[in-house]
Amino acid sequence: MRDRAAPTTPTQVRLIGKPGCHLCDEARLVVTAECRRAGAELTEVSILDDPVLHEQFWDRIPVVQVDGATVEQLRVDPTRLRALLRPGRRRRLLW
């Protein structure tokens, strides 16, 4: 008998920021909590380590991406992020 349920891939969340950024520190608290709640995988990236990200986002950090799509910039709305991370929820781009 075959298992009919398709394997699920955890949602990938990326927080783009830099050390010493107070908005990034605030965002990290929210994003970490919501990822933990949703079972999503969180990766943090510093714009100081990636010239392409620095050029693209230096004036908009922190940036949150969900499965490669930018969904938050500058401030993170926990309610909106929670909704985006809900299993089975259709994700829409906010930016």
PDB file of N, CA and C in Angstrom:
ATOM      1  N   MET A   1       0.844  -1.179   0.000  1.00  0.00           N
ATOM      2  CA  MET A   1       0.000   0.000   0.000  1.00  0.00           C
ATOM      3  C   MET A   1       0.889   1.242   0.000  1.00  0.00           C
ATOM      4  N   ARG A   2       0.599   2.163  -0.879  1.00  0.00           N
ATOM      5  CA  ARG A   2       1.399   3.379  -0.994  1.00  0.00           C
ATOM      6  C   ARG A   2       0.850   4.476  -0.105  1.00  0.00           C
ATOM      7  N   ASP A   3       1.749   5.256   0.405  1.00  0.00           N
ATOM      8  CA  ASP A   3       1.364   6.423   1.194  1.00  0.00           C
ATOM      9  C   ASP A   3       0.937   7.511   0.227  1.00  0.00           C
ATOM     10  N   ARG A   4      -0.303   7.941   0.324  1.00  0.00           N
ATOM     11  CA  ARG A   4      -0.830   8.936  -0.619  1.00  0.00           C
ATOM     12  C   ARG A   4      -0.451  10.365  -0.257  1.00  0.00           C
ATOM     13  N   ALA A   5      -0.013  10.569   0.959  1.00  0.00           N
ATOM     14  CA  ALA A   5       0.357  11.932   1.358  1.00  0.00           C
ATOM     15  C   ALA A   5       1.699  12.296   0.722  1.00  0.00           C
ATOM     16  N   ALA A   6       1.724  13.414   0.079  1.00  0.00           N
ATOM     17  CA  ALA A   6       2.965  13.893  -0.533  1.00  0.00           C
ATOM     18  C   ALA A   6       3.913  14.343   0.569  1.00  0.00           C
ATOM     19  N   PRO A   7       5.185  14.071   0.404  1.00  0.00           N
ATOM     20  CA  PRO A   7       6.128  14.541   1.422  1.00  0.00           C
ATOM     21  C   PRO A   7       6.118  16.066   1.467  1.00  0.00           C
ATOM     22  N   THR A   8       6.199  16.590   2.679  1.00  0.00           N
ATOM     23  CA  THR A   8       6.173  18.045   2.816  1.00  0.00           C
ATOM     24  C   THR A   8       7.590  18.548   3.045  1.00  0.00           C
ATOM     25  N   THR A   9       7.894  19.630   2.412  1.00  0.00           N
ATOM     26  CA  THR A   9       9.187  20.271   2.580  1.00  0.00           C
ATOM     27  C   THR A   9       8.995  21.433   3.535  1.00  0.00           C
ATOM     28  N   PRO A  10       9.840  21.535   4.559  1.00  0.00           N
ATOM     29  CA  PRO A  10       9.691  22.663   5.480  1.00  0.00           C
ATOM     30  C   PRO A  10       9.834  23.993   4.744  1.00  0.00           C
ATOM     31  N   THR A  11       9.087  24.954   5.180  1.00  0.00           N
ATOM     32  CA  THR A  11       9.183  26.297   4.629  1.00  0.00           C
ATOM     33  C   THR A  11      10.567  26.859   4.945  1.00  0.00           C
ATOM     34  N   GLN A  12      11.165  27.483   3.955  1.00  0.00           N
ATOM     35  CA  GLN A  12      12.492  28.082   4.113  1.00  0.00           C
ATOM     36  C   GLN A  12      12.338  29.588   4.342  1.00  0.00           C
ATOM     37  N   VAL A  13      12.836  30.058   5.463  1.00  0.00           N
ATOM     38  CA  VAL A  13      12.778  31.479   5.794  1.00  0.00           C
ATOM     39  C   VAL A  13      14.209  31.999   5.878  1.00  0.00           C
ATOM     40  N   ARG A  14      14.433  33.143   5.261  1.00  0.00           N
ATOM     41  CA  ARG A  14      15.757  33.757   5.299  1.00  0.00           C
ATOM     42  C   ARG A  14      15.613  35.168   5.844  1.00  0.00           C
ATOM     43  N   LEU A  15      16.406  35.453   6.873  1.00  0.00           N
ATOM     44  CA  LEU A  15      16.451  36.787   7.465  1.00  0.00           C
ATOM     45  C   LEU A  15      17.745  37.447   7.014  1.00  0.00           C
ATOM     46  N   ILE A  16      17.617  38.546   6.298  1.00  0.00           N
ATOM     47  CA  ILE A  16      18.772  39.273   5.780  1.00  0.00           C
ATOM     48  C   ILE A  16      18.940  40.530   6.623  1.00  0.00           C
ATOM     49  N   GLY A  17      20.120  40.695   7.191  1.00  0.00           N
ATOM     50  CA  GLY A  17      20.390  41.849   8.036  1.00  0.00           C
ATOM     51  C   GLY A  17      21.875  42.073   8.161  1.00  0.00           C
ATOM     52  N   LYS A  18      22.271  42.630   9.316  1.00  0.00           N
ATOM     53  CA  LYS A  18      23.696  42.804   9.597  1.00  0.00           C
ATOM     54  C   LYS A  18      23.866  42.951  11.103  1.00  0.00           C
ATOM     55  N   PRO A  19      25.055  42.619  11.599  1.00  0.00           N
ATOM     56  CA  PRO A  19      25.331  42.780  13.030  1.00  0.00           C
ATOM     57  C   PRO A  19      25.239  44.248  13.444  1.00  0.00           C
ATOM     58  N   GLY A  20      24.736  44.468  14.650  1.00  0.00           N
ATOM     59  CA  GLY A  20      24.660  45.829  15.169  1.00  0.00           C
ATOM     60  C   GLY A  20      23.446  46.617  14.718  1.00  0.00           C
ATOM     61  N   CYS A  21      22.568  46.003  13.963  1.00  0.00           N
ATOM     62  CA  CYS A  21      21.347  46.666  13.471  1.00  0.00           C
ATOM     63  C   CYS A  21      20.215  46.384  14.464  1.00  0.00           C
ATOM     64  N   HIS A  22      19.722  47.426  15.131  1.00  0.00           N
ATOM     65  CA  HIS A  22      18.683  47.198  16.140  1.00  0.00           C
ATOM     66  C   HIS A  22      17.380  46.685  15.524  1.00  0.00           C
ATOM     67  N   LEU A  23      17.040  47.125  14.322  1.00  0.00           N
ATOM     68  CA  LEU A  23      15.842  46.598  13.663  1.00  0.00           C
ATOM     69  C   LEU A  23      16.015  45.113  13.339  1.00  0.00           C
ATOM     70  N   CYS A  24      17.232  44.712  12.976  1.00  0.00           N
ATOM     71  CA  CYS A  24      17.513  43.300  12.688  1.00  0.00           C
ATOM     72  C   CYS A  24      17.383  42.463  13.958  1.00  0.00           C
ATOM     73  N   ASP A  25      17.859  43.006  15.080  1.00  0.00           N
ATOM     74  CA  ASP A  25      17.738  42.298  16.352  1.00  0.00           C
ATOM     75  C   ASP A  25      16.270  42.097  16.730  1.00  0.00           C
ATOM     76  N   GLU A  26      15.457  43.126  16.549  1.00  0.00           N
ATOM     77  CA  GLU A  26      14.025  43.023  16.832  1.00  0.00           C
ATOM     78  C   GLU A  26      13.365  42.011  15.902  1.00  0.00           C
ATOM     79  N   ALA A  27      13.705  42.071  14.625  1.00  0.00           N
ATOM     80  CA  ALA A  27      13.134  41.149  13.643  1.00  0.00           C
ATOM     81  C   ALA A  27      13.514  39.707  13.964  1.00  0.00           C
ATOM     82  N   ARG A  28      14.762  39.493  14.387  1.00  0.00           N
ATOM     83  CA  ARG A  28      15.230  38.148  14.705  1.00  0.00           C
ATOM     84  C   ARG A  28      14.354  37.497  15.774  1.00  0.00           C
ATOM     85  N   LEU A  29      13.971  38.260  16.788  1.00  0.00           N
ATOM     86  CA  LEU A  29      13.120  37.718  17.851  1.00  0.00           C
ATOM     87  C   LEU A  29      11.778  37.247  17.292  1.00  0.00           C
ATOM     88  N   VAL A  30      11.166  38.075  16.469  1.00  0.00           N
ATOM     89  CA  VAL A  30       9.862  37.743  15.885  1.00  0.00           C
ATOM     90  C   VAL A  30       9.977  36.565  14.925  1.00  0.00           C
ATOM     91  N   VAL A  31      10.948  36.636  14.019  1.00  0.00           N
ATOM     92  CA  VAL A  31      11.087  35.607  12.986  1.00  0.00           C
ATOM     93  C   VAL A  31      11.447  34.261  13.613  1.00  0.00           C
ATOM     94  N   THR A  32      12.340  34.265  14.590  1.00  0.00           N
ATOM     95  CA  THR A  32      12.712  33.020  15.263  1.00  0.00           C
ATOM     96  C   THR A  32      11.504  32.376  15.933  1.00  0.00           C
ATOM     97  N   ALA A  33      10.734  33.179  16.636  1.00  0.00           N
ATOM     98  CA  ALA A  33       9.545  32.646  17.319  1.00  0.00           C
ATOM     99  C   ALA A  33       8.533  32.076  16.327  1.00  0.00           C
ATOM    100  N   GLU A  34       8.283  32.801  15.239  1.00  0.00           N
ATOM    101  CA  GLU A  34       7.286  32.340  14.269  1.00  0.00           C
ATOM    102  C   GLU A  34       7.775  31.110  13.494  1.00  0.00           C
ATOM    103  N   CYS A  35       9.055  31.046  13.209  1.00  0.00           N
ATOM    104  CA  CYS A  35       9.602  29.861  12.533  1.00  0.00           C
ATOM    105  C   CYS A  35       9.505  28.642  13.444  1.00  0.00           C
ATOM    106  N   ARG A  36       9.826  28.833  14.705  1.00  0.00           N
ATOM    107  CA  ARG A  36       9.724  27.742  15.674  1.00  0.00           C
ATOM    108  C   ARG A  36       8.280  27.243  15.752  1.00  0.00           C
ATOM    109  N   ARG A  37       7.333  28.168  15.825  1.00  0.00           N
ATOM    110  CA  ARG A  37       5.919  27.825  15.921  1.00  0.00           C
ATOM    111  C   ARG A  37       5.455  27.051  14.679  1.00  0.00           C
ATOM    112  N   ALA A  38       5.938  27.451  13.505  1.00  0.00           N
ATOM    113  CA  ALA A  38       5.471  26.859  12.249  1.00  0.00           C
ATOM    114  C   ALA A  38       6.314  25.669  11.785  1.00  0.00           C
ATOM    115  N   GLY A  39       7.437  25.427  12.452  1.00  0.00           N
ATOM    116  CA  GLY A  39       8.323  24.358  11.998  1.00  0.00           C
ATOM    117  C   GLY A  39       9.082  24.721  10.733  1.00  0.00           C
ATOM    118  N   ALA A  40       9.272  26.006  10.512  1.00  0.00           N
ATOM    119  CA  ALA A  40       9.991  26.479   9.326  1.00  0.00           C
ATOM    120  C   ALA A  40      11.482  26.536   9.619  1.00  0.00           C
ATOM    121  N   GLU A  41      12.278  26.390   8.571  1.00  0.00           N
ATOM    122  CA  GLU A  41      13.731  26.462   8.709  1.00  0.00           C
ATOM    123  C   GLU A  41      14.196  27.896   8.486  1.00  0.00           C
ATOM    124  N   LEU A  42      14.966  28.414   9.442  1.00  0.00           N
ATOM    125  CA  LEU A  42      15.448  29.793   9.388  1.00  0.00           C
ATOM    126  C   LEU A  42      16.935  29.828   9.091  1.00  0.00           C
ATOM    127  N   THR A  43      17.298  30.677   8.141  1.00  0.00           N
ATOM    128  CA  THR A  43      18.687  30.953   7.817  1.00  0.00           C
ATOM    129  C   THR A  43      18.893  32.455   7.930  1.00  0.00           C
ATOM    130  N   GLU A  44      19.991  32.850   8.573  1.00  0.00           N
ATOM    131  CA  GLU A  44      20.323  34.273   8.661  1.00  0.00           C
ATOM    132  C   GLU A  44      21.512  34.570   7.762  1.00  0.00           C
ATOM    133  N   VAL A  45      21.446  35.697   7.075  1.00  0.00           N
ATOM    134  CA  VAL A  45      22.503  36.118   6.167  1.00  0.00           C
ATOM    135  C   VAL A  45      22.804  37.589   6.444  1.00  0.00           C
ATOM    136  N   SER A  46      24.082  37.919   6.503  1.00  0.00           N
ATOM    137  CA  SER A  46      24.497  39.303   6.702  1.00  0.00           C
ATOM    138  C   SER A  46      24.814  39.947   5.349  1.00  0.00           C
ATOM    139  N   ILE A  47      24.350  41.165   5.168  1.00  0.00           N
ATOM    140  CA  ILE A  47      24.675  41.888   3.939  1.00  0.00           C
ATOM    141  C   ILE A  47      26.159  42.230   3.877  1.00  0.00           C
ATOM    142  N   LEU A  48      26.845  42.161   5.021  1.00  0.00           N
ATOM    143  CA  LEU A  48      28.276  42.446   5.043  1.00  0.00           C
ATOM    144  C   LEU A  48      29.088  41.314   4.425  1.00  0.00           C
ATOM    145  N   ASP A  49      28.486  40.127   4.335  1.00  0.00           N
ATOM    146  CA  ASP A  49      29.171  38.955   3.779  1.00  0.00           C
ATOM    147  C   ASP A  49      28.828  38.686   2.318  1.00  0.00           C
ATOM    148  N   ASP A  50      27.899  39.445   1.771  1.00  0.00           N
ATOM    149  CA  ASP A  50      27.444  39.178   0.406  1.00  0.00           C
ATOM    150  C   ASP A  50      27.252  40.501  -0.329  1.00  0.00           C
ATOM    151  N   PRO A  51      28.160  40.837  -1.253  1.00  0.00           N
ATOM    152  CA  PRO A  51      28.077  42.115  -1.959  1.00  0.00           C
ATOM    153  C   PRO A  51      26.778  42.302  -2.744  1.00  0.00           C
ATOM    154  N   VAL A  52      26.240  41.237  -3.273  1.00  0.00           N
ATOM    155  CA  VAL A  52      24.985  41.334  -4.037  1.00  0.00           C
ATOM    156  C   VAL A  52      23.836  41.708  -3.106  1.00  0.00           C
ATOM    157  N   LEU A  53      23.742  41.029  -1.964  1.00  0.00           N
ATOM    158  CA  LEU A  53      22.697  41.366  -0.995  1.00  0.00           C
ATOM    159  C   LEU A  53      22.891  42.778  -0.447  1.00  0.00           C
ATOM    160  N   HIS A  54      24.143  43.165  -0.230  1.00  0.00           N
ATOM    161  CA  HIS A  54      24.420  44.518   0.260  1.00  0.00           C
ATOM    162  C   HIS A  54      23.887  45.556  -0.723  1.00  0.00           C
ATOM    163  N   GLU A  55      24.202  45.378  -1.983  1.00  0.00           N
ATOM    164  CA  GLU A  55      23.743  46.315  -3.013  1.00  0.00           C
ATOM    165  C   GLU A  55      22.218  46.349  -3.098  1.00  0.00           C
ATOM    166  N   GLN A  56      21.604  45.195  -2.983  1.00  0.00           N
ATOM    167  CA  GLN A  56      20.150  45.087  -3.164  1.00  0.00           C
ATOM    168  C   GLN A  56      19.370  45.590  -1.948  1.00  0.00           C
ATOM    169  N   PHE A  57      19.874  45.333  -0.739  1.00  0.00           N
ATOM    170  CA  PHE A  57      19.055  45.566   0.458  1.00  0.00           C
ATOM    171  C   PHE A  57      19.661  46.496   1.506  1.00  0.00           C
ATOM    172  N   TRP A  58      20.803  47.142   1.268  1.00  0.00           N
ATOM    173  CA  TRP A  58      21.497  47.889   2.310  1.00  0.00           C
ATOM    174  C   TRP A  58      20.616  48.914   3.021  1.00  0.00           C
ATOM    175  N   ASP A  59      19.652  49.480   2.317  1.00  0.00           N
ATOM    176  CA  ASP A  59      18.802  50.508   2.918  1.00  0.00           C
ATOM    177  C   ASP A  59      17.428  49.989   3.329  1.00  0.00           C
ATOM    178  N   ARG A  60      17.234  48.656   3.293  1.00  0.00           N
ATOM    179  CA  ARG A  60      15.909  48.099   3.613  1.00  0.00           C
ATOM    180  C   ARG A  60      15.947  46.980   4.644  1.00  0.00           C
ATOM    181  N   ILE A  61      17.113  46.751   5.286  1.00  0.00           N
ATOM    182  CA  ILE A  61      17.190  45.657   6.247  1.00  0.00           C
ATOM    183  C   ILE A  61      16.462  46.015   7.533  1.00  0.00           C
ATOM    184  N   PRO A  62      15.934  45.030   8.206  1.00  0.00           N
ATOM    185  CA  PRO A  62      15.955  43.616   7.891  1.00  0.00           C
ATOM    186  C   PRO A  62      14.968  43.269   6.779  1.00  0.00           C
ATOM    187  N   VAL A  63      15.305  42.210   6.074  1.00  0.00           N
ATOM    188  CA  VAL A  63      14.460  41.685   5.007  1.00  0.00           C
ATOM    189  C   VAL A  63      14.143  40.233   5.349  1.00  0.00           C
ATOM    190  N   VAL A  64      12.888  39.854   5.200  1.00  0.00           N
ATOM    191  CA  VAL A  64      12.485  38.466   5.433  1.00  0.00           C
ATOM    192  C   VAL A  64      12.002  37.900   4.112  1.00  0.00           C
ATOM    193  N   GLN A  65      12.559  36.743   3.759  1.00  0.00           N
ATOM    194  CA  GLN A  65      12.131  36.028   2.561  1.00  0.00           C
ATOM    195  C   GLN A  65      11.563  34.680   2.975  1.00  0.00           C
ATOM    196  N   VAL A  66      10.446  34.309   2.366  1.00  0.00           N
ATOM    197  CA  VAL A  66       9.818  33.009   2.605  1.00  0.00           C
ATOM    198  C   VAL A  66       9.827  32.262   1.281  1.00  0.00           C
ATOM    199  N   ASP A  67      10.499  31.125   1.289  1.00  0.00           N
ATOM    200  CA  ASP A  67      10.652  30.310   0.080  1.00  0.00           C
ATOM    201  C   ASP A  67      11.114  31.148  -1.110  1.00  0.00           C
ATOM    202  N   GLY A  68      12.056  32.065  -0.847  1.00  0.00           N
ATOM    203  CA  GLY A  68      12.672  32.867  -1.902  1.00  0.00           C
ATOM    204  C   GLY A  68      11.964  34.166  -2.237  1.00  0.00           C
ATOM    205  N   ALA A  69      10.776  34.371  -1.710  1.00  0.00           N
ATOM    206  CA  ALA A  69      10.026  35.601  -1.997  1.00  0.00           C
ATOM    207  C   ALA A  69      10.171  36.584  -0.833  1.00  0.00           C
ATOM    208  N   THR A  70      10.474  37.829  -1.146  1.00  0.00           N
ATOM    209  CA  THR A  70      10.570  38.852  -0.110  1.00  0.00           C
ATOM    210  C   THR A  70       9.176  39.183   0.392  1.00  0.00           C
ATOM    211  N   VAL A  71       8.982  39.027   1.717  1.00  0.00           N
ATOM    212  CA  VAL A  71       7.659  39.255   2.290  1.00  0.00           C
ATOM    213  C   VAL A  71       7.634  40.382   3.316  1.00  0.00           C
ATOM    214  N   GLU A  72       8.782  40.758   3.851  1.00  0.00           N
ATOM    215  CA  GLU A  72       8.845  41.855   4.823  1.00  0.00           C
ATOM    216  C   GLU A  72      10.141  42.625   4.627  1.00  0.00           C
ATOM    217  N   GLN A  73      10.090  43.925   4.910  1.00  0.00           N
ATOM    218  CA  GLN A  73      11.268  44.781   4.886  1.00  0.00           C
ATOM    219  C   GLN A  73      11.130  45.814   5.996  1.00  0.00           C
ATOM    220  N   LEU A  74      12.244  46.137   6.627  1.00  0.00           N
ATOM    221  CA  LEU A  74      12.349  47.141   7.678  1.00  0.00           C
ATOM    222  C   LEU A  74      11.687  46.736   8.995  1.00  0.00           C
ATOM    223  N   ARG A  75      10.468  46.358   8.984  1.00  0.00           N
ATOM    224  CA  ARG A  75       9.750  45.900  10.184  1.00  0.00           C
ATOM    225  C   ARG A  75       9.026  44.601   9.855  1.00  0.00           C
ATOM    226  N   VAL A  76       8.927  43.726  10.851  1.00  0.00           N
ATOM    227  CA  VAL A  76       8.268  42.440  10.655  1.00  0.00           C
ATOM    228  C   VAL A  76       6.955  42.438  11.426  1.00  0.00           C
ATOM    229  N   ASP A  77       5.877  42.193  10.717  1.00  0.00           N
ATOM    230  CA  ASP A  77       4.557  42.077  11.333  1.00  0.00           C
ATOM    231  C   ASP A  77       4.364  40.605  11.715  1.00  0.00           C
ATOM    232  N   PRO A  78       4.348  40.282  13.020  1.00  0.00           N
ATOM    233  CA  PRO A  78       4.253  38.878  13.424  1.00  0.00           C
ATOM    234  C   PRO A  78       2.968  38.197  12.956  1.00  0.00           C
ATOM    235  N   THR A  79       1.868  38.914  12.930  1.00  0.00           N
ATOM    236  CA  THR A  79       0.605  38.328  12.497  1.00  0.00           C
ATOM    237  C   THR A  79       0.651  37.957  11.023  1.00  0.00           C
ATOM    238  N   ARG A  80       1.181  38.837  10.214  1.00  0.00           N
ATOM    239  CA  ARG A  80       1.283  38.567   8.781  1.00  0.00           C
ATOM    240  C   ARG A  80       2.256  37.421   8.507  1.00  0.00           C
ATOM    241  N   LEU A  81       3.400  37.431   9.211  1.00  0.00           N
ATOM    242  CA  LEU A  81       4.373  36.357   9.030  1.00  0.00           C
ATOM    243  C   LEU A  81       3.789  35.017   9.463  1.00  0.00           C
ATOM    244  N   ARG A  82       3.075  34.995  10.575  1.00  0.00           N
ATOM    245  CA  ARG A  82       2.430  33.758  11.049  1.00  0.00           C
ATOM    246  C   ARG A  82       1.471  33.221   9.996  1.00  0.00           C
ATOM    247  N   ALA A  83       0.703  34.098   9.379  1.00  0.00           N
ATOM    248  CA  ALA A  83      -0.240  33.672   8.339  1.00  0.00           C
ATOM    249  C   ALA A  83       0.494  33.108   7.127  1.00  0.00           C
ATOM    250  N   LEU A  84       1.603  33.721   6.763  1.00  0.00           N
ATOM    251  CA  LEU A  84       2.368  33.241   5.615  1.00  0.00           C
ATOM    252  C   LEU A  84       3.023  31.892   5.877  1.00  0.00           C
ATOM    253  N   LEU A  85       3.335  31.616   7.133  1.00  0.00           N
ATOM    254  CA  LEU A  85       4.009  30.365   7.471  1.00  0.00           C
ATOM    255  C   LEU A  85       3.039  29.234   7.798  1.00  0.00           C
ATOM    256  N   ARG A  86       1.757  29.535   7.834  1.00  0.00           N
ATOM    257  CA  ARG A  86       0.762  28.512   8.141  1.00  0.00           C
ATOM    258  C   ARG A  86       0.782  27.422   7.072  1.00  0.00           C
ATOM    259  N   PRO A  87       0.837  26.145   7.485  1.00  0.00           N
ATOM    260  CA  PRO A  87       0.865  25.055   6.497  1.00  0.00           C
ATOM    261  C   PRO A  87      -0.336  25.117   5.551  1.00  0.00           C
ATOM    262  N   GLY A  88      -0.048  24.909   4.280  1.00  0.00           N
ATOM    263  CA  GLY A  88      -1.112  24.914   3.276  1.00  0.00           C
ATOM    264  C   GLY A  88      -1.564  26.296   2.855  1.00  0.00           C
ATOM    265  N   ARG A  89      -1.038  27.305   3.483  1.00  0.00           N
ATOM    266  CA  ARG A  89      -1.423  28.683   3.159  1.00  0.00           C
ATOM    267  C   ARG A  89      -0.806  29.085   1.834  1.00  0.00           C
ATOM    268  N   ARG A  90      -1.593  29.636   0.961  1.00  0.00           N
ATOM    269  CA  ARG A  90      -1.046  30.139  -0.296  1.00  0.00           C
ATOM    270  C   ARG A  90      -0.279  31.424  -0.011  1.00  0.00           C
ATOM    271  N   ARG A  91       0.956  31.433  -0.414  1.00  0.00           N
ATOM    272  CA  ARG A  91       1.797  32.603  -0.156  1.00  0.00           C
ATOM    273  C   ARG A  91       1.639  33.611  -1.270  1.00  0.00           C
ATOM    274  N   ARG A  92       1.540  34.855  -0.872  1.00  0.00           N
ATOM    275  CA  ARG A  92       1.515  35.914  -1.878  1.00  0.00           C
ATOM    276  C   ARG A  92       2.612  36.907  -1.545  1.00  0.00           C
ATOM    277  N   LEU A  93       3.145  37.483  -2.557  1.00  0.00           N
ATOM    278  CA  LEU A  93       4.219  38.445  -2.375  1.00  0.00           C
ATOM    279  C   LEU A  93       3.673  39.730  -1.770  1.00  0.00           C
ATOM    280  N   LEU A  94       4.351  40.238  -0.778  1.00  0.00           N
ATOM    281  CA  LEU A  94       3.935  41.479  -0.152  1.00  0.00           C
ATOM    282  C   LEU A  94       4.758  42.645  -0.653  1.00  0.00           C
ATOM    283  N   TRP A  95       5.889  42.369  -1.306  1.00  0.00           N
ATOM    284  CA  TRP A  95       6.760  43.425  -1.807  1.00  0.00           C
ATOM    285  C   TRP A  95       6.991  43.225  -3.256  1.00  0.00           C
TER     286      TRP A  95
END
